[in-house]
């Protein structure tokens, strides 16, 4: 029998977890780029290139701030919980089922 959920015509759509991973990876890449830009800033500063020092300084600040806030937003989104949905057969709430009527009654000890 053919699998109806995974047909050859459709590609699987990425879920929200995929989006979170991309955001986290993007933030890490920005932070690593900021470290590289900081190294270039120090090199330009030691070499006496004032124009490149200003460009590297701006790049360091933008990359560090952008990477920090992007990583912070991703971690905040990661701790958001799914809503708890009640269903009648929930094991969290003990119920007794009346054998004659099938009615669900709260459990009494």
Protein backbone atom coordinates (compact mmCIF):
# COMPACT_ATOMS: atom_id res chain seq x y z
CA UNK A 1 0.00 0.00 0.00
CA UNK A 2 1.39 3.42 -0.94
CA UNK A 3 2.15 5.96 1.74
CA UNK A 4 -0.31 8.82 1.24
CA UNK A 5 1.53 11.25 3.53
CA UNK A 6 4.84 11.05 1.69
CA UNK A 7 4.04 11.06 -2.01
CA UNK A 8 6.76 11.75 -4.55
CA UNK A 9 5.08 14.92 -5.83
CA UNK A 10 5.26 16.94 -2.63
CA UNK A 11 8.29 17.97 -0.65
CA UNK A 12 7.95 17.86 3.13
CA UNK A 13 7.32 21.33 4.50
CA UNK A 14 9.72 22.41 7.21
CA UNK A 15 8.10 22.98 10.58
CA UNK A 16 8.69 25.64 13.21
CA UNK A 17 11.71 23.75 14.63
CA UNK A 18 13.51 24.27 11.29
CA UNK A 19 12.91 28.01 11.54
CA UNK A 20 14.31 28.13 15.09
CA UNK A 21 17.45 26.30 14.00
CA UNK A 22 18.03 28.74 11.14
CA UNK A 23 17.60 31.72 13.45
CA UNK A 24 20.06 30.30 15.96
CA UNK A 25 22.60 29.46 13.27
CA UNK A 26 22.25 32.94 11.80
CA UNK A 27 22.90 34.49 15.20
CA UNK A 28 25.98 32.34 15.75
CA UNK A 29 27.31 33.24 12.29
CA UNK A 30 26.78 36.95 13.06
CA UNK A 31 28.66 36.63 16.36
CA UNK A 32 31.55 34.79 14.69
CA UNK A 33 31.67 37.45 11.98
CA UNK A 34 31.82 40.09 14.72
CA UNK A 35 34.89 38.38 16.17
CA UNK A 36 36.52 38.38 12.72
CA UNK A 37 35.60 42.05 12.28
CA UNK A 38 37.14 42.81 15.69
CA UNK A 39 40.37 41.17 14.53
CA UNK A 40 40.30 43.27 11.36
CA UNK A 41 39.64 46.34 13.49
CA UNK A 42 42.74 45.68 15.60
CA UNK A 43 44.82 44.99 12.49
CA UNK A 44 43.67 48.21 10.81
CA UNK A 45 44.26 50.14 14.02
CA UNK A 46 47.82 48.81 14.30
CA UNK A 47 48.48 49.51 10.62
CA UNK A 48 47.34 53.13 10.82
CA UNK A 49 44.42 52.87 8.37
CA UNK A 50 41.96 55.35 9.87
CA UNK A 51 39.23 54.82 7.26
CA UNK A 52 39.27 51.05 7.67
CA UNK A 53 39.30 51.44 11.45
CA UNK A 54 36.00 53.35 11.30
CA UNK A 55 34.43 50.79 8.93
CA UNK A 56 35.56 47.83 11.05
CA UNK A 57 34.37 49.51 14.26
CA UNK A 58 30.89 50.02 12.84
CA UNK A 59 30.83 46.44 11.54
CA UNK A 60 31.86 45.06 14.95
CA UNK A 61 29.12 46.97 16.76
CA UNK A 62 26.40 46.08 14.25
CA UNK A 63 27.34 42.39 14.13
CA UNK A 64 27.65 41.99 17.91
CA UNK A 65 24.36 43.78 18.63
CA UNK A 66 22.49 42.04 15.81
CA UNK A 67 23.86 38.62 16.76
CA UNK A 68 23.08 39.13 20.44
CA UNK A 69 19.49 40.21 19.87
CA UNK A 70 18.90 37.50 17.27
CA UNK A 71 20.22 34.82 19.64
CA UNK A 72 18.14 36.27 22.48
CA UNK A 73 14.97 36.22 20.36
CA UNK A 74 15.65 32.63 19.32
CA UNK A 75 16.13 31.44 22.89
CA UNK A 76 13.00 33.24 24.04
CA UNK A 77 11.04 31.57 21.28
CA UNK A 78 12.53 28.19 22.21
CA UNK A 79 11.15 28.32 25.76
CA UNK A 80 7.60 29.18 24.67
CA UNK A 81 5.39 26.26 25.49
CA UNK A 82 2.67 24.75 23.40
CA UNK A 83 -0.80 25.31 24.85
CA UNK A 84 -2.19 22.41 26.84
CA UNK A 85 -5.37 21.16 25.23
CA UNK A 86 -7.83 19.24 27.37
CA UNK A 87 -9.38 16.14 25.92
CA UNK A 88 -11.89 13.88 27.60
CA UNK A 89 -9.51 10.93 27.87
CA UNK A 90 -6.80 12.94 29.62
CA UNK A 91 -4.87 10.86 32.13
CA UNK A 92 -4.29 13.94 34.28
CA UNK A 93 -7.88 14.00 35.54
CA UNK A 94 -9.16 10.71 36.95
CA UNK A 95 -12.76 9.98 35.96
CA UNK A 96 -15.13 7.11 36.45
CA UNK A 97 -17.41 5.99 33.67
CA UNK A 98 -20.87 4.87 34.64
CA UNK A 99 -21.34 1.44 33.05
CA UNK A 100 -25.08 1.94 32.53
CA UNK A 101 -25.14 5.41 30.96
CA UNK A 102 -21.52 5.88 29.83
CA UNK A 103 -21.44 9.25 31.61
CA UNK A 104 -18.10 10.49 32.90
CA UNK A 105 -18.10 11.35 36.59
CA UNK A 106 -15.29 12.77 38.74
CA UNK A 107 -13.39 10.10 40.60
CA UNK A 108 -14.39 9.74 44.26
CA UNK A 109 -12.32 7.85 46.80
